[in-house]
N, C-alpha and C. Protein backbone atom coordinates (compact mmCIF):
# COMPACT_ATOMS: atom_id res chain seq x y z
N MET A 1 -7.94 -34.98 -35.30
CA MET A 1 -7.61 -36.16 -34.53
C MET A 1 -8.90 -36.90 -34.16
N SER A 2 -8.96 -38.18 -34.46
CA SER A 2 -10.18 -38.93 -34.19
C SER A 2 -10.18 -39.46 -32.75
N THR A 3 -11.37 -39.67 -32.24
CA THR A 3 -11.54 -40.20 -30.90
C THR A 3 -11.35 -41.71 -30.93
N PRO A 4 -10.54 -42.26 -30.03
CA PRO A 4 -10.35 -43.71 -30.03
C PRO A 4 -11.65 -44.44 -29.68
N ASP A 5 -11.82 -45.60 -30.26
CA ASP A 5 -12.99 -46.43 -30.00
C ASP A 5 -12.81 -47.13 -28.65
N PRO A 6 -13.66 -46.83 -27.67
CA PRO A 6 -13.49 -47.43 -26.35
C PRO A 6 -13.76 -48.94 -26.32
N THR A 7 -14.33 -49.46 -27.39
CA THR A 7 -14.63 -50.90 -27.41
C THR A 7 -13.62 -51.71 -28.20
N ALA A 8 -12.68 -51.06 -28.87
CA ALA A 8 -11.75 -51.77 -29.76
C ALA A 8 -10.93 -52.82 -29.01
N GLU A 9 -10.39 -52.47 -27.85
CA GLU A 9 -9.59 -53.44 -27.09
C GLU A 9 -10.44 -54.61 -26.61
N LEU A 10 -11.66 -54.32 -26.19
CA LEU A 10 -12.55 -55.39 -25.74
C LEU A 10 -12.92 -56.32 -26.88
N GLU A 11 -13.13 -55.78 -28.05
CA GLU A 11 -13.44 -56.62 -29.21
C GLU A 11 -12.27 -57.54 -29.53
N GLN A 12 -11.05 -57.04 -29.41
CA GLN A 12 -9.87 -57.88 -29.61
C GLN A 12 -9.81 -58.97 -28.54
N GLU A 13 -10.06 -58.58 -27.30
CA GLU A 13 -10.05 -59.54 -26.19
C GLU A 13 -11.13 -60.61 -26.41
N LEU A 14 -12.29 -60.20 -26.89
CA LEU A 14 -13.38 -61.14 -27.17
C LEU A 14 -12.94 -62.17 -28.21
N ARG A 15 -12.35 -61.71 -29.29
CA ARG A 15 -11.87 -62.64 -30.33
C ARG A 15 -10.83 -63.61 -29.78
N ARG A 16 -9.92 -63.10 -28.96
CA ARG A 16 -8.89 -63.95 -28.37
C ARG A 16 -9.51 -65.01 -27.46
N LEU A 17 -10.46 -64.60 -26.62
CA LEU A 17 -11.12 -65.53 -25.71
C LEU A 17 -11.91 -66.60 -26.47
N GLU A 18 -12.60 -66.18 -27.52
CA GLU A 18 -13.36 -67.14 -28.32
C GLU A 18 -12.43 -68.18 -28.94
N GLU A 19 -11.29 -67.74 -29.41
CA GLU A 19 -10.32 -68.68 -30.01
C GLU A 19 -9.72 -69.62 -28.96
N GLN A 20 -9.38 -69.07 -27.80
CA GLN A 20 -8.69 -69.85 -26.77
C GLN A 20 -9.64 -70.70 -25.92
N ARG A 21 -10.80 -70.17 -25.58
CA ARG A 21 -11.70 -70.82 -24.63
C ARG A 21 -12.93 -71.45 -25.28
N GLY A 22 -13.28 -70.97 -26.47
CA GLY A 22 -14.50 -71.43 -27.12
C GLY A 22 -15.59 -70.37 -27.00
N ALA A 23 -16.49 -70.37 -27.96
CA ALA A 23 -17.51 -69.32 -28.06
C ALA A 23 -18.49 -69.29 -26.91
N ASP A 24 -18.67 -70.41 -26.20
CA ASP A 24 -19.66 -70.47 -25.12
C ASP A 24 -19.05 -70.51 -23.73
N HIS A 25 -17.83 -70.04 -23.59
CA HIS A 25 -17.15 -70.05 -22.29
C HIS A 25 -17.63 -68.87 -21.44
N PRO A 26 -17.74 -69.05 -20.13
CA PRO A 26 -18.17 -67.95 -19.25
C PRO A 26 -17.29 -66.71 -19.33
N GLU A 27 -16.00 -66.87 -19.61
CA GLU A 27 -15.14 -65.69 -19.77
C GLU A 27 -15.53 -64.89 -21.01
N VAL A 28 -16.00 -65.57 -22.03
CA VAL A 28 -16.51 -64.89 -23.22
C VAL A 28 -17.76 -64.10 -22.84
N ALA A 29 -18.63 -64.72 -22.05
CA ALA A 29 -19.84 -64.03 -21.60
C ALA A 29 -19.50 -62.77 -20.81
N ALA A 30 -18.51 -62.86 -19.94
CA ALA A 30 -18.11 -61.69 -19.14
C ALA A 30 -17.59 -60.57 -20.04
N CYS A 31 -16.82 -60.92 -21.05
CA CYS A 31 -16.31 -59.93 -21.99
C CYS A 31 -17.45 -59.31 -22.80
N LEU A 32 -18.38 -60.14 -23.23
CA LEU A 32 -19.56 -59.63 -23.95
C LEU A 32 -20.34 -58.65 -23.09
N CYS A 33 -20.48 -58.97 -21.82
CA CYS A 33 -21.22 -58.09 -20.91
C CYS A 33 -20.51 -56.74 -20.77
N ARG A 34 -19.19 -56.77 -20.62
CA ARG A 34 -18.43 -55.51 -20.52
C ARG A 34 -18.57 -54.69 -21.80
N LEU A 35 -18.48 -55.36 -22.94
CA LEU A 35 -18.61 -54.69 -24.23
C LEU A 35 -20.00 -54.05 -24.37
N ALA A 36 -21.03 -54.81 -24.05
CA ALA A 36 -22.40 -54.31 -24.15
C ALA A 36 -22.63 -53.14 -23.19
N THR A 37 -22.08 -53.24 -22.00
CA THR A 37 -22.27 -52.17 -21.01
C THR A 37 -21.65 -50.87 -21.50
N ILE A 38 -20.46 -50.94 -22.08
CA ILE A 38 -19.84 -49.72 -22.62
C ILE A 38 -20.71 -49.14 -23.73
N ARG A 39 -21.16 -50.00 -24.64
CA ARG A 39 -22.01 -49.51 -25.74
C ARG A 39 -23.30 -48.92 -25.20
N HIS A 40 -23.88 -49.56 -24.20
CA HIS A 40 -25.11 -49.07 -23.59
C HIS A 40 -24.86 -47.68 -22.98
N ASN A 41 -23.77 -47.55 -22.23
CA ASN A 41 -23.45 -46.27 -21.60
C ASN A 41 -23.17 -45.17 -22.61
N LEU A 42 -22.69 -45.56 -23.80
CA LEU A 42 -22.46 -44.59 -24.88
C LEU A 42 -23.72 -44.34 -25.70
N GLN A 43 -24.82 -44.92 -25.26
CA GLN A 43 -26.12 -44.83 -25.94
C GLN A 43 -26.07 -45.44 -27.33
N GLN A 44 -25.23 -46.43 -27.51
CA GLN A 44 -25.18 -47.21 -28.75
C GLN A 44 -26.06 -48.44 -28.52
N TYR A 45 -27.35 -48.18 -28.38
CA TYR A 45 -28.29 -49.21 -27.93
C TYR A 45 -28.38 -50.40 -28.88
N ALA A 46 -28.45 -50.14 -30.16
CA ALA A 46 -28.56 -51.25 -31.12
C ALA A 46 -27.33 -52.15 -31.06
N GLU A 47 -26.15 -51.54 -30.85
CA GLU A 47 -24.91 -52.30 -30.79
C GLU A 47 -24.76 -53.05 -29.46
N ALA A 48 -25.46 -52.63 -28.44
CA ALA A 48 -25.38 -53.28 -27.12
C ALA A 48 -26.27 -54.52 -27.02
N GLU A 49 -27.36 -54.53 -27.75
CA GLU A 49 -28.35 -55.61 -27.60
C GLU A 49 -27.78 -56.99 -27.90
N GLY A 50 -27.09 -57.14 -29.01
CA GLY A 50 -26.55 -58.45 -29.39
C GLY A 50 -25.61 -59.05 -28.35
N PRO A 51 -24.61 -58.28 -27.88
CA PRO A 51 -23.74 -58.82 -26.85
C PRO A 51 -24.46 -59.15 -25.54
N TYR A 52 -25.42 -58.32 -25.15
CA TYR A 52 -26.19 -58.63 -23.94
C TYR A 52 -26.94 -59.96 -24.12
N ARG A 53 -27.58 -60.13 -25.27
CA ARG A 53 -28.35 -61.36 -25.52
C ARG A 53 -27.43 -62.59 -25.55
N ARG A 54 -26.30 -62.45 -26.22
CA ARG A 54 -25.38 -63.59 -26.31
C ARG A 54 -24.81 -63.94 -24.94
N CYS A 55 -24.51 -62.94 -24.15
CA CYS A 55 -24.04 -63.18 -22.78
C CYS A 55 -25.08 -63.97 -22.00
N LEU A 56 -26.33 -63.55 -22.07
CA LEU A 56 -27.40 -64.25 -21.36
C LEU A 56 -27.52 -65.69 -21.84
N GLU A 57 -27.45 -65.92 -23.13
CA GLU A 57 -27.54 -67.28 -23.68
C GLU A 57 -26.43 -68.17 -23.13
N ILE A 58 -25.21 -67.65 -23.11
CA ILE A 58 -24.08 -68.43 -22.60
C ILE A 58 -24.29 -68.75 -21.13
N MET A 59 -24.71 -67.77 -20.36
CA MET A 59 -24.87 -67.98 -18.93
C MET A 59 -26.04 -68.91 -18.61
N GLU A 60 -27.09 -68.87 -19.43
CA GLU A 60 -28.19 -69.82 -19.25
C GLU A 60 -27.71 -71.26 -19.47
N LYS A 61 -26.87 -71.46 -20.47
CA LYS A 61 -26.31 -72.79 -20.72
C LYS A 61 -25.42 -73.22 -19.57
N GLU A 62 -24.66 -72.30 -19.04
CA GLU A 62 -23.69 -72.59 -17.98
C GLU A 62 -24.38 -72.84 -16.64
N LEU A 63 -25.39 -72.02 -16.32
CA LEU A 63 -25.98 -72.03 -14.98
C LEU A 63 -27.34 -72.70 -14.91
N GLY A 64 -28.01 -72.85 -16.04
CA GLY A 64 -29.39 -73.31 -16.05
C GLY A 64 -30.33 -72.12 -16.08
N SER A 65 -31.49 -72.32 -16.64
CA SER A 65 -32.40 -71.20 -16.88
C SER A 65 -33.07 -70.65 -15.62
N GLU A 66 -32.92 -71.33 -14.50
CA GLU A 66 -33.57 -70.88 -13.27
C GLU A 66 -32.58 -70.37 -12.22
N SER A 67 -31.34 -70.16 -12.61
CA SER A 67 -30.33 -69.70 -11.66
C SER A 67 -30.54 -68.23 -11.28
N PRO A 68 -30.51 -67.91 -9.99
CA PRO A 68 -30.59 -66.51 -9.57
C PRO A 68 -29.43 -65.67 -10.10
N GLU A 69 -28.32 -66.32 -10.47
CA GLU A 69 -27.17 -65.60 -11.00
C GLU A 69 -27.43 -65.00 -12.38
N LEU A 70 -28.55 -65.36 -12.99
CA LEU A 70 -28.92 -64.77 -14.28
C LEU A 70 -29.56 -63.39 -14.12
N ALA A 71 -30.01 -63.06 -12.92
CA ALA A 71 -30.76 -61.82 -12.70
C ALA A 71 -30.03 -60.57 -13.21
N PRO A 72 -28.74 -60.39 -12.94
CA PRO A 72 -28.09 -59.17 -13.46
C PRO A 72 -28.10 -59.09 -14.98
N HIS A 73 -27.97 -60.23 -15.64
CA HIS A 73 -27.97 -60.25 -17.10
C HIS A 73 -29.36 -59.92 -17.65
N LEU A 74 -30.38 -60.43 -16.98
CA LEU A 74 -31.75 -60.11 -17.36
C LEU A 74 -32.04 -58.62 -17.14
N ASN A 75 -31.57 -58.10 -16.02
CA ASN A 75 -31.76 -56.68 -15.74
C ASN A 75 -31.05 -55.81 -16.77
N ASN A 76 -29.86 -56.23 -17.22
CA ASN A 76 -29.16 -55.45 -18.25
C ASN A 76 -30.01 -55.30 -19.50
N LEU A 77 -30.61 -56.40 -19.94
CA LEU A 77 -31.48 -56.32 -21.13
C LEU A 77 -32.72 -55.48 -20.85
N GLY A 78 -33.30 -55.64 -19.68
CA GLY A 78 -34.46 -54.82 -19.32
C GLY A 78 -34.13 -53.34 -19.33
N LEU A 79 -32.99 -52.98 -18.76
CA LEU A 79 -32.58 -51.58 -18.73
C LEU A 79 -32.31 -51.04 -20.13
N LEU A 80 -31.72 -51.87 -20.97
CA LEU A 80 -31.47 -51.45 -22.35
C LEU A 80 -32.78 -51.13 -23.06
N PHE A 81 -33.75 -52.03 -22.94
CA PHE A 81 -35.03 -51.79 -23.60
C PHE A 81 -35.74 -50.59 -22.99
N ARG A 82 -35.66 -50.44 -21.67
CA ARG A 82 -36.27 -49.28 -21.02
C ARG A 82 -35.65 -48.00 -21.56
N ASP A 83 -34.32 -47.98 -21.66
CA ASP A 83 -33.63 -46.78 -22.13
C ASP A 83 -33.96 -46.46 -23.58
N ARG A 84 -34.38 -47.47 -24.33
CA ARG A 84 -34.79 -47.26 -25.73
C ARG A 84 -36.27 -46.91 -25.84
N GLY A 85 -36.95 -46.85 -24.70
CA GLY A 85 -38.38 -46.56 -24.70
C GLY A 85 -39.23 -47.76 -25.05
N ARG A 86 -38.66 -48.95 -24.97
CA ARG A 86 -39.38 -50.18 -25.32
C ARG A 86 -39.85 -50.88 -24.02
N TRP A 87 -40.77 -50.25 -23.33
CA TRP A 87 -41.23 -50.70 -22.03
C TRP A 87 -41.80 -52.11 -22.07
N GLU A 88 -42.57 -52.42 -23.12
CA GLU A 88 -43.18 -53.75 -23.21
C GLU A 88 -42.13 -54.84 -23.37
N ASP A 89 -41.04 -54.53 -24.04
CA ASP A 89 -39.95 -55.50 -24.19
C ASP A 89 -39.14 -55.63 -22.90
N ALA A 90 -39.04 -54.55 -22.14
CA ALA A 90 -38.25 -54.54 -20.90
C ALA A 90 -38.93 -55.35 -19.79
N GLN A 91 -40.22 -55.24 -19.69
CA GLN A 91 -40.97 -55.83 -18.57
C GLN A 91 -40.70 -57.32 -18.33
N PRO A 92 -40.74 -58.18 -19.34
CA PRO A 92 -40.51 -59.60 -19.07
C PRO A 92 -39.13 -59.89 -18.49
N TYR A 93 -38.13 -59.12 -18.89
CA TYR A 93 -36.79 -59.31 -18.34
C TYR A 93 -36.74 -58.92 -16.87
N PHE A 94 -37.35 -57.78 -16.54
CA PHE A 94 -37.39 -57.36 -15.14
C PHE A 94 -38.17 -58.36 -14.28
N GLU A 95 -39.30 -58.83 -14.80
CA GLU A 95 -40.12 -59.78 -14.04
C GLU A 95 -39.39 -61.10 -13.82
N ARG A 96 -38.72 -61.59 -14.83
CA ARG A 96 -37.98 -62.84 -14.68
C ARG A 96 -36.83 -62.68 -13.69
N ALA A 97 -36.12 -61.57 -13.77
CA ALA A 97 -35.03 -61.31 -12.83
C ALA A 97 -35.55 -61.26 -11.40
N ARG A 98 -36.66 -60.59 -11.20
CA ARG A 98 -37.24 -60.50 -9.85
C ARG A 98 -37.66 -61.88 -9.36
N ARG A 99 -38.25 -62.68 -10.23
CA ARG A 99 -38.68 -64.03 -9.86
C ARG A 99 -37.48 -64.89 -9.47
N LEU A 100 -36.42 -64.81 -10.26
CA LEU A 100 -35.23 -65.61 -9.96
C LEU A 100 -34.56 -65.17 -8.67
N GLN A 101 -34.55 -63.89 -8.41
CA GLN A 101 -33.94 -63.38 -7.18
C GLN A 101 -34.76 -63.79 -5.95
N GLY A 102 -36.06 -63.92 -6.16
CA GLY A 102 -36.93 -64.32 -5.04
C GLY A 102 -36.98 -65.82 -4.84
N GLY A 103 -36.36 -66.56 -5.71
CA GLY A 103 -36.33 -68.02 -5.57
C GLY A 103 -37.59 -68.72 -6.03
N GLU A 104 -38.52 -67.99 -6.65
CA GLU A 104 -39.74 -68.63 -7.16
C GLU A 104 -39.42 -69.44 -8.39
N ARG A 105 -40.14 -70.49 -8.60
CA ARG A 105 -39.98 -71.33 -9.79
C ARG A 105 -41.04 -70.99 -10.82
N ALA A 106 -40.70 -71.17 -12.07
CA ALA A 106 -41.69 -70.95 -13.14
C ALA A 106 -42.79 -71.98 -13.01
N SER A 107 -43.99 -71.57 -13.35
CA SER A 107 -45.11 -72.53 -13.27
C SER A 107 -45.33 -73.23 -14.57
């Protein structure tokens, strides 16, 4: 007996949302984040990166690149890279999230 894929339903939901709402809708971003988080928790790091990145792109378009609401999405990517041992890749995401949470503007 095979183990069910915990992401299969979310992938179906993602396709449905993309068709109904459009590829850049915030609900699509939320679904991508849930999908990436499950993959991340299952240590499917390579499979988690794309959805995390796409979620961040959608939310940057929706909120603007300086919105503090981007911080959790930036932290997700930072944590993913940290968990993969890619500290140098993780650092810019953590720093940007911290800057946005503190209300500082980019120079």
